[in-house]
PDB file of N, CA and C in Angstrom:
ATOM      1  N   UNK A   1     -17.142 111.070  -7.207  1.00  0.00           N
ATOM      2  CA  UNK A   1     -17.089 111.743  -8.475  1.00  0.00           C
ATOM      3  C   UNK A   1     -16.351 110.863  -9.472  1.00  0.00           C
ATOM      4  N   UNK A   2     -16.859 110.879 -10.699  1.00  0.00           N
ATOM      5  CA  UNK A   2     -16.271 110.059 -11.760  1.00  0.00           C
ATOM      6  C   UNK A   2     -16.014 110.913 -12.996  1.00  0.00           C
ATOM      7  N   UNK A   3     -14.999 110.509 -13.754  1.00  0.00           N
ATOM      8  CA  UNK A   3     -14.796 111.041 -15.095  1.00  0.00           C
ATOM      9  C   UNK A   3     -14.647 109.855 -16.033  1.00  0.00           C
ATOM     10  N   UNK A   4     -14.993 110.065 -17.283  1.00  0.00           N
ATOM     11  CA  UNK A   4     -14.839 109.036 -18.309  1.00  0.00           C
ATOM     12  C   UNK A   4     -13.839 109.534 -19.326  1.00  0.00           C
ATOM     13  N   UNK A   5     -12.918 108.662 -19.688  1.00  0.00           N
ATOM     14  CA  UNK A   5     -11.900 108.994 -20.686  1.00  0.00           C
ATOM     15  C   UNK A   5     -12.136 108.118 -21.899  1.00  0.00           C
ATOM     16  N   UNK A   6     -12.378 108.773 -23.025  1.00  0.00           N
ATOM     17  CA  UNK A   6     -12.623 108.096 -24.294  1.00  0.00           C
ATOM     18  C   UNK A   6     -11.360 108.169 -25.140  1.00  0.00           C
ATOM     19  N   UNK A   7     -11.335 107.406 -26.194  1.00  0.00           N
ATOM     20  CA  UNK A   7     -10.248 107.456 -27.157  1.00  0.00           C
ATOM     21  C   UNK A   7      -8.967 106.842 -26.584  1.00  0.00           C
ATOM     22  N   UNK A   8      -9.099 105.870 -25.691  1.00  0.00           N
ATOM     23  CA  UNK A   8      -7.933 105.161 -25.164  1.00  0.00           C
ATOM     24  C   UNK A   8      -7.375 104.298 -26.294  1.00  0.00           C
ATOM     25  N   UNK A   9      -6.076 104.396 -26.566  1.00  0.00           N
ATOM     26  CA  UNK A   9      -5.488 103.650 -27.691  1.00  0.00           C
ATOM     27  C   UNK A   9      -5.649 102.137 -27.553  1.00  0.00           C
ATOM     28  N   UNK A  10      -5.930 101.500 -28.676  1.00  0.00           N
ATOM     29  CA  UNK A  10      -6.070 100.042 -28.715  1.00  0.00           C
ATOM     30  C   UNK A  10      -4.785  99.342 -28.291  1.00  0.00           C
ATOM     31  N   UNK A  11      -3.658  99.997 -28.521  1.00  0.00           N
ATOM     32  CA  UNK A  11      -2.360  99.378 -28.255  1.00  0.00           C
ATOM     33  C   UNK A  11      -1.990  99.342 -26.782  1.00  0.00           C
ATOM     34  N   UNK A  12      -2.728 100.037 -25.949  1.00  0.00           N
ATOM     35  CA  UNK A  12      -2.401 100.100 -24.517  1.00  0.00           C
ATOM     36  C   UNK A  12      -3.031  98.941 -23.757  1.00  0.00           C
ATOM     37  N   UNK A  13      -2.253  98.392 -22.841  1.00  0.00           N
ATOM     38  CA  UNK A  13      -2.790  97.356 -21.959  1.00  0.00           C
ATOM     39  C   UNK A  13      -3.566  98.029 -20.830  1.00  0.00           C
ATOM     40  N   UNK A  14      -4.339  97.230 -20.127  1.00  0.00           N
ATOM     41  CA  UNK A  14      -5.104  97.758 -18.990  1.00  0.00           C
ATOM     42  C   UNK A  14      -4.158  98.354 -17.945  1.00  0.00           C
ATOM     43  N   UNK A  15      -3.040  97.686 -17.696  1.00  0.00           N
ATOM     44  CA  UNK A  15      -2.083  98.166 -16.701  1.00  0.00           C
ATOM     45  C   UNK A  15      -1.438  99.485 -17.140  1.00  0.00           C
ATOM     46  N   UNK A  16      -1.136  99.629 -18.423  1.00  0.00           N
ATOM     47  CA  UNK A  16      -0.558 100.882 -18.921  1.00  0.00           C
ATOM     48  C   UNK A  16      -1.517 102.051 -18.722  1.00  0.00           C
ATOM     49  N   UNK A  17      -2.802 101.805 -18.976  1.00  0.00           N
ATOM     50  CA  UNK A  17      -3.814 102.851 -18.806  1.00  0.00           C
ATOM     51  C   UNK A  17      -3.931 103.218 -17.323  1.00  0.00           C
ATOM     52  N   UNK A  18      -3.997 102.228 -16.462  1.00  0.00           N
ATOM     53  CA  UNK A  18      -4.074 102.489 -15.018  1.00  0.00           C
ATOM     54  C   UNK A  18      -2.851 103.271 -14.533  1.00  0.00           C
ATOM     55  N   UNK A  19      -1.664 102.828 -14.959  1.00  0.00           N
ATOM     56  CA  UNK A  19      -0.432 103.501 -14.544  1.00  0.00           C
ATOM     57  C   UNK A  19      -0.407 104.953 -15.016  1.00  0.00           C
ATOM     58  N   UNK A  20      -0.849 105.195 -16.252  1.00  0.00           N
ATOM     59  CA  UNK A  20      -0.862 106.544 -16.803  1.00  0.00           C
ATOM     60  C   UNK A  20      -1.735 107.465 -15.956  1.00  0.00           C
ATOM     61  N   UNK A  21      -2.965 107.044 -15.671  1.00  0.00           N
ATOM     62  CA  UNK A  21      -3.876 107.906 -14.924  1.00  0.00           C
ATOM     63  C   UNK A  21      -3.490 108.030 -13.451  1.00  0.00           C
ATOM     64  N   UNK A  22      -2.938 106.986 -12.882  1.00  0.00           N
ATOM     65  CA  UNK A  22      -2.463 107.073 -11.507  1.00  0.00           C
ATOM     66  C   UNK A  22      -1.325 108.087 -11.423  1.00  0.00           C
ATOM     67  N   UNK A  23      -0.446 108.055 -12.405  1.00  0.00           N
ATOM     68  CA  UNK A  23       0.661 109.018 -12.425  1.00  0.00           C
ATOM     69  C   UNK A  23       0.152 110.440 -12.666  1.00  0.00           C
ATOM     70  N   UNK A  24      -0.719 110.617 -13.652  1.00  0.00           N
ATOM     71  CA  UNK A  24      -1.226 111.948 -14.013  1.00  0.00           C
ATOM     72  C   UNK A  24      -2.071 112.576 -12.907  1.00  0.00           C
ATOM     73  N   UNK A  25      -2.868 111.768 -12.214  1.00  0.00           N
ATOM     74  CA  UNK A  25      -3.804 112.301 -11.231  1.00  0.00           C
ATOM     75  C   UNK A  25      -3.311 112.204  -9.797  1.00  0.00           C
ATOM     76  N   UNK A  26      -2.271 111.426  -9.563  1.00  0.00           N
ATOM     77  CA  UNK A  26      -1.729 111.307  -8.213  1.00  0.00           C
ATOM     78  C   UNK A  26      -2.784 110.870  -7.207  1.00  0.00           C
ATOM     79  N   UNK A  27      -2.882 111.600  -6.102  1.00  0.00           N
ATOM     80  CA  UNK A  27      -3.796 111.216  -5.026  1.00  0.00           C
ATOM     81  C   UNK A  27      -5.269 111.395  -5.381  1.00  0.00           C
ATOM     82  N   UNK A  28      -5.573 112.093  -6.483  1.00  0.00           N
ATOM     83  CA  UNK A  28      -6.976 112.256  -6.887  1.00  0.00           C
ATOM     84  C   UNK A  28      -7.571 110.962  -7.443  1.00  0.00           C
ATOM     85  N   UNK A  29      -6.741 110.068  -7.968  1.00  0.00           N
ATOM     86  CA  UNK A  29      -7.245 108.826  -8.561  1.00  0.00           C
ATOM     87  C   UNK A  29      -7.539 107.806  -7.473  1.00  0.00           C
ATOM     88  N   UNK A  30      -8.809 107.517  -7.281  1.00  0.00           N
ATOM     89  CA  UNK A  30      -9.219 106.528  -6.288  1.00  0.00           C
ATOM     90  C   UNK A  30      -9.253 105.144  -6.918  1.00  0.00           C
ATOM     91  N   UNK A  31      -9.839 105.039  -8.116  1.00  0.00           N
ATOM     92  CA  UNK A  31      -9.950 103.763  -8.813  1.00  0.00           C
ATOM     93  C   UNK A  31     -10.019 104.016 -10.313  1.00  0.00           C
ATOM     94  N   UNK A  32      -9.336 103.188 -11.084  1.00  0.00           N
ATOM     95  CA  UNK A  32      -9.352 103.294 -12.540  1.00  0.00           C
ATOM     96  C   UNK A  32      -9.850 101.965 -13.088  1.00  0.00           C
ATOM     97  N   UNK A  33     -10.952 102.002 -13.826  1.00  0.00           N
ATOM     98  CA  UNK A  33     -11.500 100.816 -14.463  1.00  0.00           C
ATOM     99  C   UNK A  33     -11.430 101.018 -15.968  1.00  0.00           C
ATOM    100  N   UNK A  34     -10.846 100.034 -16.665  1.00  0.00           N
ATOM    101  CA  UNK A  34     -10.673 100.139 -18.112  1.00  0.00           C
ATOM    102  C   UNK A  34     -11.599  99.130 -18.780  1.00  0.00           C
ATOM    103  N   UNK A  35     -12.306  99.584 -19.803  1.00  0.00           N
ATOM    104  CA  UNK A  35     -13.262  98.743 -20.524  1.00  0.00           C
ATOM    105  C   UNK A  35     -12.825  98.568 -21.976  1.00  0.00           C
ATOM    106  N   UNK A  36     -13.145  97.422 -22.534  1.00  0.00           N
ATOM    107  CA  UNK A  36     -12.916  97.123 -23.952  1.00  0.00           C
ATOM    108  C   UNK A  36     -11.462  97.311 -24.375  1.00  0.00           C
ATOM    109  N   UNK A  37     -10.530  96.871 -23.527  1.00  0.00           N
ATOM    110  CA  UNK A  37      -9.102  96.978 -23.829  1.00  0.00           C
ATOM    111  C   UNK A  37      -8.790  96.302 -25.162  1.00  0.00           C
ATOM    112  N   UNK A  38      -7.955  96.961 -25.958  1.00  0.00           N
ATOM    113  CA  UNK A  38      -7.525  96.393 -27.231  1.00  0.00           C
ATOM    114  C   UNK A  38      -8.523  96.541 -28.358  1.00  0.00           C
ATOM    115  N   UNK A  39      -9.570  97.331 -28.137  1.00  0.00           N
ATOM    116  CA  UNK A  39     -10.574  97.553 -29.180  1.00  0.00           C
ATOM    117  C   UNK A  39     -10.676  99.050 -29.469  1.00  0.00           C
ATOM    118  N   UNK A  40     -11.323  99.415 -30.575  1.00  0.00           N
ATOM    119  CA  UNK A  40     -11.512 100.839 -30.864  1.00  0.00           C
ATOM    120  C   UNK A  40     -12.420 101.542 -29.847  1.00  0.00           C
ATOM    121  N   UNK A  41     -13.163 100.777 -29.056  1.00  0.00           N
ATOM    122  CA  UNK A  41     -14.071 101.345 -28.052  1.00  0.00           C
ATOM    123  C   UNK A  41     -13.460 101.422 -26.659  1.00  0.00           C
ATOM    124  N   UNK A  42     -12.155 101.228 -26.544  1.00  0.00           N
ATOM    125  CA  UNK A  42     -11.506 101.241 -25.229  1.00  0.00           C
ATOM    126  C   UNK A  42     -11.732 102.587 -24.543  1.00  0.00           C
ATOM    127  N   UNK A  43     -12.107 102.523 -23.280  1.00  0.00           N
ATOM    128  CA  UNK A  43     -12.318 103.733 -22.491  1.00  0.00           C
ATOM    129  C   UNK A  43     -12.106 103.407 -21.010  1.00  0.00           C
ATOM    130  N   UNK A  44     -11.989 104.454 -20.213  1.00  0.00           N
ATOM    131  CA  UNK A  44     -11.728 104.259 -18.788  1.00  0.00           C
ATOM    132  C   UNK A  44     -12.691 105.093 -17.963  1.00  0.00           C
ATOM    133  N   UNK A  45     -13.081 104.533 -16.834  1.00  0.00           N
ATOM    134  CA  UNK A  45     -13.870 105.252 -15.839  1.00  0.00           C
ATOM    135  C   UNK A  45     -12.950 105.461 -14.643  1.00  0.00           C
ATOM    136  N   UNK A  46     -12.818 106.712 -14.223  1.00  0.00           N
ATOM    137  CA  UNK A  46     -11.927 107.027 -13.124  1.00  0.00           C
ATOM    138  C   UNK A  46     -12.744 107.604 -11.970  1.00  0.00           C
ATOM    139  N   UNK A  47     -12.662 106.927 -10.839  1.00  0.00           N
ATOM    140  CA  UNK A  47     -13.305 107.438  -9.632  1.00  0.00           C
ATOM    141  C   UNK A  47     -12.291 108.320  -8.922  1.00  0.00           C
ATOM    142  N   UNK A  48     -12.725 109.506  -8.546  1.00  0.00           N
ATOM    143  CA  UNK A  48     -11.836 110.479  -7.922  1.00  0.00           C
ATOM    144  C   UNK A  48     -12.053 110.561  -6.422  1.00  0.00           C
ATOM    145  N   UNK A  49     -10.980 110.856  -5.702  1.00  0.00           N
ATOM    146  CA  UNK A  49     -11.067 111.180  -4.276  1.00  0.00           C
ATOM    147  C   UNK A  49     -11.495 112.639  -4.184  1.00  0.00           C
ATOM    148  N   UNK A  50     -12.777 112.876  -4.218  1.00  0.00           N
ATOM    149  CA  UNK A  50     -13.271 114.254  -4.146  1.00  0.00           C
ATOM    150  C   UNK A  50     -14.737 114.228  -3.748  1.00  0.00           C
ATOM    151  N   UNK A  51     -15.111 115.159  -2.905  1.00  0.00           N
ATOM    152  CA  UNK A  51     -16.500 115.275  -2.475  1.00  0.00           C
ATOM    153  C   UNK A  51     -17.195 116.455  -3.128  1.00  0.00           C
ATOM    154  N   UNK A  52     -16.426 117.326  -3.756  1.00  0.00           N
ATOM    155  CA  UNK A  52     -16.977 118.538  -4.342  1.00  0.00           C
ATOM    156  C   UNK A  52     -17.139 118.326  -5.850  1.00  0.00           C
ATOM    157  N   UNK A  53     -18.345 118.530  -6.388  1.00  0.00           N
ATOM    158  CA  UNK A  53     -18.625 118.222  -7.788  1.00  0.00           C
ATOM    159  C   UNK A  53     -17.720 118.914  -8.801  1.00  0.00           C
ATOM    160  N   UNK A  54     -17.333 120.143  -8.542  1.00  0.00           N
ATOM    161  CA  UNK A  54     -16.557 120.863  -9.544  1.00  0.00           C
ATOM    162  C   UNK A  54     -15.147 120.294  -9.720  1.00  0.00           C
ATOM    163  N   UNK A  55     -14.683 119.476  -8.785  1.00  0.00           N
ATOM    164  CA  UNK A  55     -13.350 118.885  -8.910  1.00  0.00           C
ATOM    165  C   UNK A  55     -13.294 117.968 -10.129  1.00  0.00           C
ATOM    166  N   UNK A  56     -14.327 117.173 -10.353  1.00  0.00           N
ATOM    167  CA  UNK A  56     -14.354 116.280 -11.513  1.00  0.00           C
ATOM    168  C   UNK A  56     -14.281 117.074 -12.811  1.00  0.00           C
ATOM    169  N   UNK A  57     -14.998 118.179 -12.882  1.00  0.00           N
ATOM    170  CA  UNK A  57     -14.968 119.023 -14.081  1.00  0.00           C
ATOM    171  C   UNK A  57     -13.576 119.621 -14.283  1.00  0.00           C
ATOM    172  N   UNK A  58     -12.947 120.060 -13.213  1.00  0.00           N
ATOM    173  CA  UNK A  58     -11.603 120.637 -13.307  1.00  0.00           C
ATOM    174  C   UNK A  58     -10.586 119.577 -13.751  1.00  0.00           C
ATOM    175  N   UNK A  59     -10.693 118.377 -13.207  1.00  0.00           N
ATOM    176  CA  UNK A  59      -9.784 117.296 -13.593  1.00  0.00           C
ATOM    177  C   UNK A  59     -10.013 116.925 -15.054  1.00  0.00           C
ATOM    178  N   UNK A  60     -11.262 116.855 -15.478  1.00  0.00           N
ATOM    179  CA  UNK A  60     -11.570 116.530 -16.871  1.00  0.00           C
ATOM    180  C   UNK A  60     -10.961 117.562 -17.821  1.00  0.00           C
ATOM    181  N   UNK A  61     -11.086 118.835 -17.470  1.00  0.00           N
ATOM    182  CA  UNK A  61     -10.493 119.887 -18.317  1.00  0.00           C
ATOM    183  C   UNK A  61      -8.980 119.758 -18.369  1.00  0.00           C
ATOM    184  N   UNK A  62      -8.372 119.405 -17.251  1.00  0.00           N
ATOM    185  CA  UNK A  62      -6.914 119.271 -17.193  1.00  0.00           C
ATOM    186  C   UNK A  62      -6.418 118.106 -18.058  1.00  0.00           C
ATOM    187  N   UNK A  63      -7.170 117.007 -18.078  1.00  0.00           N
ATOM    188  CA  UNK A  63      -6.763 115.836 -18.853  1.00  0.00           C
ATOM    189  C   UNK A  63      -7.111 115.938 -20.339  1.00  0.00           C
ATOM    190  N   UNK A  64      -8.114 116.731 -20.656  1.00  0.00           N
ATOM    191  CA  UNK A  64      -8.581 116.852 -22.032  1.00  0.00           C
ATOM    192  C   UNK A  64      -7.425 117.209 -22.958  1.00  0.00           C
ATOM    193  N   UNK A  65      -7.228 116.400 -23.983  1.00  0.00           N
ATOM    194  CA  UNK A  65      -6.192 116.679 -24.965  1.00  0.00           C
ATOM    195  C   UNK A  65      -4.821 116.131 -24.617  1.00  0.00           C
ATOM    196  N   UNK A  66      -4.637 115.654 -23.383  1.00  0.00           N
ATOM    197  CA  UNK A  66      -3.355 114.997 -23.069  1.00  0.00           C
ATOM    198  C   UNK A  66      -3.237 113.761 -23.942  1.00  0.00           C
ATOM    199  N   UNK A  67      -2.025 113.320 -24.144  1.00  0.00           N
ATOM    200  CA  UNK A  67      -1.782 112.193 -25.038  1.00  0.00           C
ATOM    201  C   UNK A  67      -1.372 110.942 -24.268  1.00  0.00           C
ATOM    202  N   UNK A  68      -1.967 109.840 -24.661  1.00  0.00           N
ATOM    203  CA  UNK A  68      -1.600 108.521 -24.160  1.00  0.00           C
ATOM    204  C   UNK A  68      -1.182 107.708 -25.372  1.00  0.00           C
ATOM    205  N   UNK A  69       0.064 107.280 -25.415  1.00  0.00           N
ATOM    206  CA  UNK A  69       0.609 106.534 -26.557  1.00  0.00           C
ATOM    207  C   UNK A  69       0.394 107.305 -27.861  1.00  0.00           C
ATOM    208  N   UNK A  70       0.538 108.618 -27.797  1.00  0.00           N
ATOM    209  CA  UNK A  70       0.428 109.452 -28.991  1.00  0.00           C
ATOM    210  C   UNK A  70      -0.984 109.813 -29.411  1.00  0.00           C
ATOM    211  N   UNK A  71      -1.973 109.387 -28.656  1.00  0.00           N
ATOM    212  CA  UNK A  71      -3.378 109.648 -29.003  1.00  0.00           C
ATOM    213  C   UNK A  71      -3.951 110.674 -28.029  1.00  0.00           C
ATOM    214  N   UNK A  72      -4.569 111.765 -28.548  1.00  0.00           N
ATOM    215  CA  UNK A  72      -5.186 112.743 -27.648  1.00  0.00           C
ATOM    216  C   UNK A  72      -6.434 112.161 -26.984  1.00  0.00           C
ATOM    217  N   UNK A  73      -6.528 112.366 -25.678  1.00  0.00           N
ATOM    218  CA  UNK A  73      -7.652 111.811 -24.928  1.00  0.00           C
ATOM    219  C   UNK A  73      -8.857 112.742 -24.963  1.00  0.00           C
ATOM    220  N   UNK A  74     -10.025 112.154 -24.880  1.00  0.00           N
ATOM    221  CA  UNK A  74     -11.276 112.896 -24.772  1.00  0.00           C
ATOM    222  C   UNK A  74     -11.855 112.559 -23.404  1.00  0.00           C
ATOM    223  N   UNK A  75     -12.111 113.594 -22.604  1.00  0.00           N
ATOM    224  CA  UNK A  75     -12.504 113.378 -21.218  1.00  0.00           C
ATOM    225  C   UNK A  75     -13.810 114.103 -20.919  1.00  0.00           C
ATOM    226  N   UNK A  76     -14.675 113.445 -20.154  1.00  0.00           N
ATOM    227  CA  UNK A  76     -15.906 114.111 -19.727  1.00  0.00           C
ATOM    228  C   UNK A  76     -16.175 113.783 -18.265  1.00  0.00           C
ATOM    229  N   UNK A  77     -16.733 114.752 -17.577  1.00  0.00           N
ATOM    230  CA  UNK A  77     -17.121 114.572 -16.177  1.00  0.00           C
ATOM    231  C   UNK A  77     -18.604 114.241 -16.130  1.00  0.00           C
ATOM    232  N   UNK A  78     -19.003 113.553 -15.081  1.00  0.00           N
ATOM    233  CA  UNK A  78     -20.422 113.285 -14.882  1.00  0.00           C
ATOM    234  C   UNK A  78     -21.113 114.622 -14.653  1.00  0.00           C
ATOM    235  N   UNK A  79     -22.226 114.859 -15.316  1.00  0.00           N
ATOM    236  CA  UNK A  79     -22.919 116.143 -15.119  1.00  0.00           C
ATOM    237  C   UNK A  79     -23.428 116.288 -13.696  1.00  0.00           C
ATOM    238  N   UNK A  80     -23.419 117.517 -13.225  1.00  0.00           N
ATOM    239  CA  UNK A  80     -23.922 117.809 -11.884  1.00  0.00           C
ATOM    240  C   UNK A  80     -24.783 119.047 -11.961  1.00  0.00           C
ATOM    241  N   UNK A  81     -26.018 118.921 -11.514  1.00  0.00           N
ATOM    242  CA  UNK A  81     -26.899 120.086 -11.551  1.00  0.00           C
ATOM    243  C   UNK A  81     -27.399 120.465 -10.162  1.00  0.00           C
ATOM    244  N   UNK A  82     -26.862 119.792  -9.134  1.00  0.00           N
ATOM    245  CA  UNK A  82     -27.226 120.149  -7.760  1.00  0.00           C
ATOM    246  C   UNK A  82     -28.538 119.558  -7.286  1.00  0.00           C
ATOM    247  N   UNK A  83     -29.176 118.752  -8.131  1.00  0.00           N
ATOM    248  CA  UNK A  83     -30.446 118.140  -7.738  1.00  0.00           C
ATOM    249  C   UNK A  83     -30.315 116.637  -7.762  1.00  0.00           C
ATOM    250  N   UNK A  84     -31.131 115.979  -6.967  1.00  0.00           N
ATOM    251  CA  UNK A  84     -31.159 114.520  -6.969  1.00  0.00           C
ATOM    252  C   UNK A  84     -31.786 114.040  -8.273  1.00  0.00           C
ATOM    253  N   UNK A  85     -31.338 112.892  -8.785  1.00  0.00           N
ATOM    254  CA  UNK A  85     -31.935 112.365 -10.011  1.00  0.00           C
ATOM    255  C   UNK A  85     -33.411 112.048  -9.834  1.00  0.00           C
ATOM    256  N   UNK A  86     -34.150 112.218 -10.882  1.00  0.00           N
ATOM    257  CA  UNK A  86     -35.584 111.922 -10.856  1.00  0.00           C
ATOM    258  C   UNK A  86     -35.811 110.424 -10.947  1.00  0.00           C
ATOM    259  N   UNK A  87     -36.785 109.872 -10.227  1.00  0.00           N
ATOM    260  CA  UNK A  87     -37.060 108.426 -10.271  1.00  0.00           C
ATOM    261  C   UNK A  87     -37.620 107.995 -11.607  1.00  0.00           C
TER     262      UNK A  87
END
């Protein structure tokens, strides 16, 4: 399961972003990948230790609006509809 965090502040380093999410999510954070560090498009993809789809949605709701370096985060979970993707 993955969540995407948008609106990561330009002023944050990759390590600061990783440390923040590792601290906030504890054992749920399996891997944190940060893209476009130092730009207005900075965002993070977080892989979660979870096998149940609704966990990603619950984590996304919990993180939504939290602040990193004074900036409110925007979080979304990968959609899940219970069906395999179409080819």
